[in-house]
Every structure is written in structure tokens, then in C-alpha cells.
């Protein structure tokens, strides 16, 4: 959605849909070396297309939709809007996107660059160390396996029961806190926090079918995500949601960085509506995810401290 047009829109319950936070200029607000390398590769790719694939570029331009280029570079095909898809503007229908096959690979598409770059480094190191002493190659080999494991994107079966809230992340429940009042929700609430280790799937999903009416990004530190207190000082991105069911409940979903995970990815924009269990982004390496939901009569919390949960699949809570 075009963030400029969202100024005049409201949710079904009348809440204003705020423009995208001006600090969020890409789907990965914190940037990073791998992102810069991928953007640099895009310069080479676009130069090649302009020189040798002019027919392809004409076809892409003919089916391109939108009224403006949200990218700081030429927007020639769907790959060019990868990091800018939350900014509105140019886009392509899935039927015209020749690269949708990448979404069917069981790995996070936004992690392809990291997987390639680190694989080159770790595999190269393993081969080099093998000739020094075979045992020395074990460490880079294990690191390579961890990178592959970290960016996996397994299929999930999301329950369809009415009133159900599912986990927004994989990991372990380490906070369940009842709040007397939450300013955004406007009343009592329950905060449930998940710690994600480097061995967990790091893709985040919507806990309910909902519309985004605000997204806020806050810069911060990169303290260890093992401590719940890191939520007060670490870099984070927060989504404000209004459920699309009759109750129109407001919820807050927060992605929080850790000591190792320093890159939050979120590709949704204010005004977007996603289904329960649909992917919204990821946090790269160990991190935290928090969900704040309204406390209502009949609300049943279905998890307890120490429970291991899976995004989009594990029931979190149930409303009457």
C-alpha cells in the first residue's frame, strides 16, 4: 500500500491508518552488510539487463503496476522492489513475476544473500582448513550447517477455530504478564513474550487475521535477547493490529533484536490486512517477539512459561 494514501484511511472500527514511520525506508530498517552487498549486486544485474535483455525489460515494463518508483534505483523487474515492498508504488502481479518460484524454496527468501555469502566464507574456510588438518574444518562446517538451519522456512498448518490467537514466533515462552492498563489497547491486557534461540525458525507470522494501522521502529542497543529486560532498550519494530472479526480487538506485535540478531525484517505496511498465520517478516539470528492482547472476560491463555511454540501453528490464547 502507498503510505501516502494511508493518511485518509481508517480501519473498519474507525481507527486512523497512520503513514509508515519515516525511519522505515526499507523492509530491513537496520540495513546491514549483506543487504548492501545484495543492493550492489543489483547494480550489476540491472546493467546486464539493460545491455542484453531489452525485450525482457519491455515486457516487464508493460505489466508493471503502480504510479511511482519506491526504490532509490531503477525498478526494472520484481527483484528490484525486494527491500522496498513496504513503501508502495511499483509492483507486479504474481502471474507476471517470474521469480515466485523462490518463495517455494523451503528457506526464507529475505535470507538468500546471507546464506550465499556465509556459505562461501564457511565452505571456503572448511576446505582451506582441511588441508591444514581435517579436524580444523569441523568448526566452519558446523557454522555452515547452522546458517542453513537458521534460514529454513517450514510449512505450517494454521488452525481455523474462531477466536483463536496463534503464536507469532517459534521459541520458548519466558514472559506471561497481566497488565492493568495498556495505552494502545485502552484497557487491561496480557503480554506474552517468546525467546528465539539461534536454532529456532525466525520467521514471524500474524497471530490473528488483522489489519495493520500503525508501524513504529525504534533504534536501540543489541543486548542479549535471553533477558526480558532487553525489550526496554533494544532495537525493535512494533505493529499495531486490529482484528478483522466482529470484536475488532487491538493487538501489539513487537519484533526485538538481540546480541547476535541485529536485523529486523518486516515487509507489511500500514493498511495491509493479513490472514492468521501469514508471514510478516523475520528477525535474523537470536531474538525476541512479544504479543500484547486485550484481557477480556472469557479469555483463556493456552500457553505457560517454558512452553515451546511454533509460529502460525501453536494456539496462544482463545477468546470466548
Protein backbone atom coordinates (compact mmCIF):
# COMPACT_ATOMS: atom_id res chain seq x y z
CA UNK A 1 0.00 0.00 0.00
CA UNK A 2 1.15 3.54 -0.75
CA UNK A 3 1.99 5.02 2.65
CA UNK A 4 0.93 8.48 1.45
CA UNK A 5 -2.59 7.32 0.60
CA UNK A 6 -2.99 5.68 4.01
CA UNK A 7 -3.31 9.14 5.65
CA UNK A 8 -7.00 9.39 4.76
CA UNK A 9 -7.91 5.79 5.52
CA UNK A 10 -9.32 4.23 8.64
CA UNK A 11 -9.82 0.69 9.87
CA UNK A 12 -13.26 -0.91 10.00
CA UNK A 13 -13.57 0.29 13.59
CA UNK A 14 -12.64 3.87 12.69
CA UNK A 15 -9.02 3.93 13.78
CA UNK A 16 -6.82 6.08 11.53
CA UNK A 17 -4.27 4.19 9.46
CA UNK A 18 -1.10 6.13 10.08
CA UNK A 19 1.59 6.64 7.42
CA UNK A 20 4.60 4.39 7.61
CA UNK A 21 7.17 5.58 10.15
CA UNK A 22 9.57 7.84 8.24
CA UNK A 23 12.51 5.99 9.77
CA UNK A 24 11.41 2.82 7.97
CA UNK A 25 12.78 3.22 4.45
CA UNK A 26 13.19 -0.46 3.64
CA UNK A 27 11.82 -3.77 4.89
CA UNK A 28 15.08 -4.07 6.87
CA UNK A 29 15.37 -0.73 8.73
CA UNK A 30 18.72 -1.61 10.31
CA UNK A 31 20.38 -2.16 6.95
CA UNK A 32 23.48 -4.35 7.22
CA UNK A 33 26.49 -5.54 5.24
CA UNK A 34 24.69 -8.39 3.49
CA UNK A 35 21.92 -6.03 2.40
CA UNK A 36 24.47 -3.58 1.00
CA UNK A 37 26.19 -6.39 -0.92
CA UNK A 38 22.87 -7.53 -2.38
CA UNK A 39 21.98 -3.97 -3.41
CA UNK A 40 25.43 -3.62 -5.02
CA UNK A 41 24.81 -6.83 -6.94
CA UNK A 42 21.56 -5.27 -8.16
CA UNK A 43 23.57 -2.53 -9.89
CA UNK A 44 25.45 -5.16 -11.89
CA UNK A 45 22.26 -7.12 -12.63
CA UNK A 46 20.41 -4.06 -13.93
CA UNK A 47 23.36 -3.05 -16.13
CA UNK A 48 23.34 -6.55 -17.66
CA UNK A 49 19.59 -6.41 -18.30
CA UNK A 50 19.83 -3.01 -19.99
CA UNK A 51 22.60 -4.23 -22.28
CA UNK A 52 21.43 -7.73 -23.18
CA UNK A 53 17.77 -8.21 -22.14
CA UNK A 54 15.93 -5.25 -23.62
CA UNK A 55 13.00 -7.35 -24.80
CA UNK A 56 12.55 -8.73 -21.31
CA UNK A 57 12.63 -5.22 -19.86
CA UNK A 58 9.91 -4.07 -22.28
CA UNK A 59 7.70 -6.96 -21.17
CA UNK A 60 8.32 -6.19 -17.52
CA UNK A 61 7.52 -2.51 -18.05
CA UNK A 62 4.30 -3.37 -19.89
CA UNK A 63 2.92 -5.42 -16.98
CA UNK A 64 4.31 -3.26 -14.19
CA UNK A 65 1.69 -1.68 -11.93
CA UNK A 66 1.76 1.35 -9.64
CA UNK A 67 2.38 5.03 -10.22
CA UNK A 68 5.80 5.68 -8.71
CA UNK A 69 9.15 4.05 -8.11
CA UNK A 70 9.66 3.47 -4.36
CA UNK A 71 13.29 2.46 -4.86
CA UNK A 72 16.40 4.69 -4.97
CA UNK A 73 17.36 2.89 -8.20
CA UNK A 74 15.70 1.89 -11.47
CA UNK A 75 12.84 -0.54 -10.95
CA UNK A 76 13.17 -2.98 -13.84
CA UNK A 77 11.64 -6.20 -12.51
CA UNK A 78 10.20 -7.61 -9.24
CA UNK A 79 13.64 -8.25 -7.76
CA UNK A 80 14.28 -4.51 -7.58
CA UNK A 81 11.48 -3.91 -5.06
CA UNK A 82 12.55 -6.71 -2.70
CA UNK A 83 13.77 -4.33 0.02
CA UNK A 84 11.17 -1.64 -0.74
CA UNK A 85 7.91 -3.55 -0.98
CA UNK A 86 6.55 -1.79 2.13
CA UNK A 87 6.98 1.65 0.53
CA UNK A 88 4.14 1.41 -2.00
CA UNK A 89 4.48 2.20 -5.70
CA UNK A 90 5.61 -0.15 -8.47
CA UNK A 91 4.70 -3.82 -8.20
CA UNK A 92 3.84 -6.84 -10.34
CA UNK A 93 1.03 -9.37 -10.18
CA UNK A 94 2.18 -12.83 -9.15
CA UNK A 95 1.26 -14.13 -12.62
CA UNK A 96 3.76 -11.68 -14.14
CA UNK A 97 6.51 -12.28 -11.58
CA UNK A 98 8.98 -14.81 -12.97
CA UNK A 99 10.66 -15.19 -9.60
CA UNK A 100 7.81 -16.50 -7.45
CA UNK A 101 9.47 -19.94 -7.59
CA UNK A 102 11.92 -18.61 -5.00
CA UNK A 103 9.05 -18.43 -2.50
CA UNK A 104 8.58 -22.19 -2.88
CA UNK A 105 12.12 -22.96 -1.74
CA UNK A 106 11.96 -24.04 1.94
CA UNK A 107 14.21 -21.18 3.05
CA UNK A 108 13.45 -17.55 3.86
CA UNK A 109 13.75 -15.56 0.66
CA UNK A 110 14.98 -12.50 2.55
CA UNK A 111 17.87 -14.62 3.82
CA UNK A 112 19.19 -15.81 0.45
CA UNK A 113 22.00 -13.24 0.43
CA UNK A 114 23.16 -14.22 3.92
CA UNK A 115 23.03 -17.90 3.02
CA UNK A 116 25.13 -17.39 -0.11
CA UNK A 117 27.67 -15.03 1.46
CA UNK A 118 28.21 -17.05 4.64
CA UNK A 119 28.26 -20.32 2.68
CA UNK A 120 31.09 -19.02 0.53
CA UNK A 121 33.00 -17.96 3.65
CA UNK A 122 32.39 -21.09 5.74
CA UNK A 123 32.75 -23.63 2.94
CA UNK A 124 35.91 -21.90 1.74
CA UNK A 125 37.31 -21.91 5.28
CA UNK A 126 36.41 -25.58 5.75
CA UNK A 127 38.18 -26.56 2.53
CA UNK A 128 41.25 -24.50 3.38
CA UNK A 129 41.48 -25.82 6.94
CA UNK A 130 41.01 -29.38 5.74
CA UNK A 131 44.43 -29.23 4.08
CA UNK A 132 45.97 -27.89 7.30
CA UNK A 133 44.30 -30.54 9.46
CA UNK A 134 40.94 -32.26 8.81
CA UNK A 135 39.70 -31.68 12.37
CA UNK A 136 40.07 -27.91 11.94
CA UNK A 137 37.36 -27.94 9.26
CA UNK A 138 34.72 -29.05 11.79
CA UNK A 139 34.04 -25.55 13.15
CA UNK A 140 33.28 -23.79 9.81
CA UNK A 141 31.28 -26.85 8.74
CA UNK A 142 29.08 -26.60 11.85
CA UNK A 143 28.67 -22.87 11.30
CA UNK A 144 27.58 -23.52 7.72
CA UNK A 145 25.01 -26.06 8.89
CA UNK A 146 23.70 -23.54 11.43
CA UNK A 147 23.23 -20.88 8.74
CA UNK A 148 21.25 -23.31 6.59
CA UNK A 149 19.21 -24.44 9.60
CA UNK A 150 18.54 -20.87 10.75
CA UNK A 151 17.01 -19.66 7.48
CA UNK A 152 14.71 -22.65 6.96
CA UNK A 153 11.08 -21.90 6.20
CA UNK A 154 8.96 -24.96 7.06
CA UNK A 155 5.32 -25.20 6.09
CA UNK A 156 2.85 -24.60 8.89
CA UNK A 157 -0.78 -25.65 9.29
CA UNK A 158 -2.68 -22.80 10.94
CA UNK A 159 -5.79 -23.72 12.97
CA UNK A 160 -9.03 -22.11 11.82
CA UNK A 161 -11.00 -22.12 15.07
CA UNK A 162 -12.88 -18.87 15.71
CA UNK A 163 -11.49 -16.62 18.45
CA UNK A 164 -8.10 -18.33 18.45
CA UNK A 165 -4.80 -16.44 18.72
CA UNK A 166 -1.75 -18.34 17.44
CA UNK A 167 1.91 -17.84 18.23
CA UNK A 168 3.64 -15.15 16.16
CA UNK A 169 7.06 -16.80 16.52
CA UNK A 170 8.94 -20.03 17.21
CA UNK A 171 10.75 -20.35 20.50
CA UNK A 172 10.15 -20.62 24.24
CA UNK A 173 7.63 -18.69 26.33
CA UNK A 174 9.53 -16.79 29.02
CA UNK A 175 7.09 -13.99 29.95
CA UNK A 176 3.35 -14.03 30.64
CA UNK A 177 2.43 -10.74 32.26
CA UNK A 178 -1.00 -9.34 33.08
CA UNK A 179 -1.08 -5.56 32.59
CA UNK A 180 -3.56 -3.37 34.44
CA UNK A 181 -3.74 -0.99 31.50
CA UNK A 182 -2.24 -0.74 28.03
CA UNK A 183 -2.44 2.68 26.40
CA UNK A 184 -2.87 1.35 22.86
CA UNK A 185 -5.39 -1.36 23.72
CA UNK A 186 -7.15 1.02 26.09
CA UNK A 187 -7.62 -1.35 29.00
CA UNK A 188 -6.28 -4.48 30.71
CA UNK A 189 -4.00 -6.64 28.60
CA UNK A 190 -1.80 -9.72 28.62
CA UNK A 191 1.77 -9.66 27.35
CA UNK A 192 3.29 -12.93 26.15
CA UNK A 193 6.95 -12.96 25.13
CA UNK A 194 8.93 -15.57 23.20
CA UNK A 195 12.68 -16.03 23.23
CA UNK A 196 14.08 -17.28 19.92
CA UNK A 197 17.43 -19.03 20.03
CA UNK A 198 19.70 -19.34 17.00
CA UNK A 199 18.26 -22.84 16.46
CA UNK A 200 14.65 -21.68 16.07
CA UNK A 201 12.85 -20.74 12.86
CA UNK A 202 12.90 -16.93 12.85
CA UNK A 203 10.02 -16.12 10.51
CA UNK A 204 7.22 -14.17 12.22
CA UNK A 205 3.53 -14.66 11.46
CA UNK A 206 0.25 -12.92 12.18
CA UNK A 207 -1.46 -14.17 15.37
CA UNK A 208 -4.95 -13.40 14.03
CA UNK A 209 -6.45 -12.12 10.82
CA UNK A 210 -5.94 -8.40 11.21
CA UNK A 211 -5.30 -5.06 9.57
CA UNK A 212 -2.17 -3.04 10.35
CA UNK A 213 -2.99 0.53 11.35
CA UNK A 214 0.45 1.65 12.52
CA UNK A 215 4.08 0.51 12.39
CA UNK A 216 6.78 2.07 14.56
CA UNK A 217 10.52 1.49 14.57
CA UNK A 218 12.81 2.34 17.49
CA UNK A 219 16.58 2.28 17.34
CA UNK A 220 18.33 0.84 20.35
CA UNK A 221 21.03 -1.41 21.70
CA UNK A 222 21.76 -5.05 20.94
CA UNK A 223 21.77 -6.64 24.37
CA UNK A 224 21.26 -10.38 24.82
CA UNK A 225 17.69 -11.41 23.98
CA UNK A 226 17.76 -14.03 26.75
CA UNK A 227 16.72 -11.31 29.22
CA UNK A 228 13.17 -9.91 29.02
CA UNK A 229 14.59 -6.51 30.03
CA UNK A 230 16.17 -6.20 26.57
CA UNK A 231 12.69 -5.23 25.30
CA UNK A 232 13.14 -1.88 27.03
CA UNK A 233 16.42 -0.90 25.38
CA UNK A 234 16.99 -2.98 22.23
CA UNK A 235 16.16 -2.01 18.67
CA UNK A 236 12.62 -3.06 17.82
CA UNK A 237 9.77 -2.75 15.36
CA UNK A 238 6.16 -2.76 16.53
CA UNK A 239 2.98 -3.47 14.58
CA UNK A 240 -0.39 -2.21 15.80
CA UNK A 241 -3.15 -4.55 14.66
CA UNK A 242 -6.93 -4.50 14.57
CA UNK A 243 -8.51 -7.92 14.18
CA UNK A 244 -10.98 -8.25 11.32
CA UNK A 245 -13.53 -10.27 13.31
CA UNK A 246 -16.60 -8.67 14.85
CA UNK A 247 -14.74 -7.88 18.09
CA UNK A 248 -12.21 -5.60 16.31
CA UNK A 249 -9.65 -6.28 19.01
CA UNK A 250 -6.44 -4.23 19.05
CA UNK A 251 -3.16 -6.11 19.48
CA UNK A 252 0.51 -5.15 19.53
CA UNK A 253 3.17 -7.32 17.93
CA UNK A 254 6.80 -6.44 18.62
CA UNK A 255 9.98 -7.73 16.93
CA UNK A 256 13.05 -7.21 19.13
CA UNK A 257 16.72 -7.65 18.23
CA UNK A 258 19.32 -9.47 20.34
CA UNK A 259 23.09 -9.55 20.74
CA UNK A 260 23.54 -11.65 17.60
CA UNK A 261 20.34 -10.81 15.74
CA UNK A 262 20.60 -7.20 14.64
CA UNK A 263 18.38 -7.16 11.57
CA UNK A 264 14.62 -6.91 11.79
CA UNK A 265 12.73 -7.59 8.57
CA UNK A 266 9.07 -6.60 8.13
CA UNK A 267 7.54 -6.33 4.69
CA UNK A 268 3.98 -5.28 5.60
CA UNK A 269 2.77 -1.67 5.53
CA UNK A 270 0.02 0.29 7.29
CA UNK A 271 -3.33 -0.62 5.75
CA UNK A 272 -2.32 -4.19 4.88
CA UNK A 273 -4.60 -6.99 6.01
CA UNK A 274 -3.07 -10.43 6.58
CA UNK A 275 -4.63 -13.73 7.50
CA UNK A 276 -3.90 -15.64 10.68
CA UNK A 277 -0.60 -17.47 10.24
CA UNK A 278 0.51 -15.41 7.24
CA UNK A 279 4.16 -14.34 7.21
CA UNK A 280 5.02 -10.72 8.02
CA UNK A 281 8.82 -10.79 8.32
CA UNK A 282 11.65 -12.27 10.34
CA UNK A 283 14.46 -11.42 12.74
CA UNK A 284 17.89 -12.57 11.65
CA UNK A 285 19.53 -14.75 14.36
CA UNK A 286 18.63 -14.98 18.11
CA UNK A 287 15.93 -12.52 19.23
CA UNK A 288 12.57 -11.92 20.95
CA UNK A 289 8.96 -11.50 19.85
CA UNK A 290 6.26 -10.06 22.10
CA UNK A 291 2.50 -10.06 21.67
CA UNK A 292 0.15 -7.90 23.74
CA UNK A 293 -3.54 -8.83 23.56
CA UNK A 294 -6.61 -7.39 25.33
CA UNK A 295 -7.71 -9.02 28.57
CA UNK A 296 -11.42 -9.82 28.27
CA UNK A 297 -13.88 -11.89 30.19
CA UNK A 298 -13.64 -15.46 28.97
CA UNK A 299 -10.09 -15.10 27.62
CA UNK A 300 -8.17 -18.36 28.04
CA UNK A 301 -4.37 -18.34 27.89
CA UNK A 302 -3.34 -21.65 26.33
CA UNK A 303 0.42 -21.49 26.97
CA UNK A 304 2.54 -21.41 30.12
CA UNK A 305 6.08 -20.39 30.97
CA UNK A 306 8.64 -22.70 29.42
CA UNK A 307 6.36 -23.94 26.63
CA UNK A 308 7.93 -24.31 23.20
CA UNK A 309 5.78 -22.82 20.44
CA UNK A 310 5.71 -22.63 16.66
CA UNK A 311 4.71 -19.58 14.65
CA UNK A 312 1.31 -19.72 12.99
CA UNK A 313 0.54 -23.12 14.45
CA UNK A 314 0.63 -23.22 18.27
CA UNK A 315 -2.58 -21.87 19.93
CA UNK A 316 -1.64 -18.96 22.19
CA UNK A 317 -4.98 -17.88 23.56
CA UNK A 318 -8.70 -18.28 22.95
CA UNK A 319 -11.43 -15.66 23.21
CA UNK A 320 -14.93 -16.67 24.19
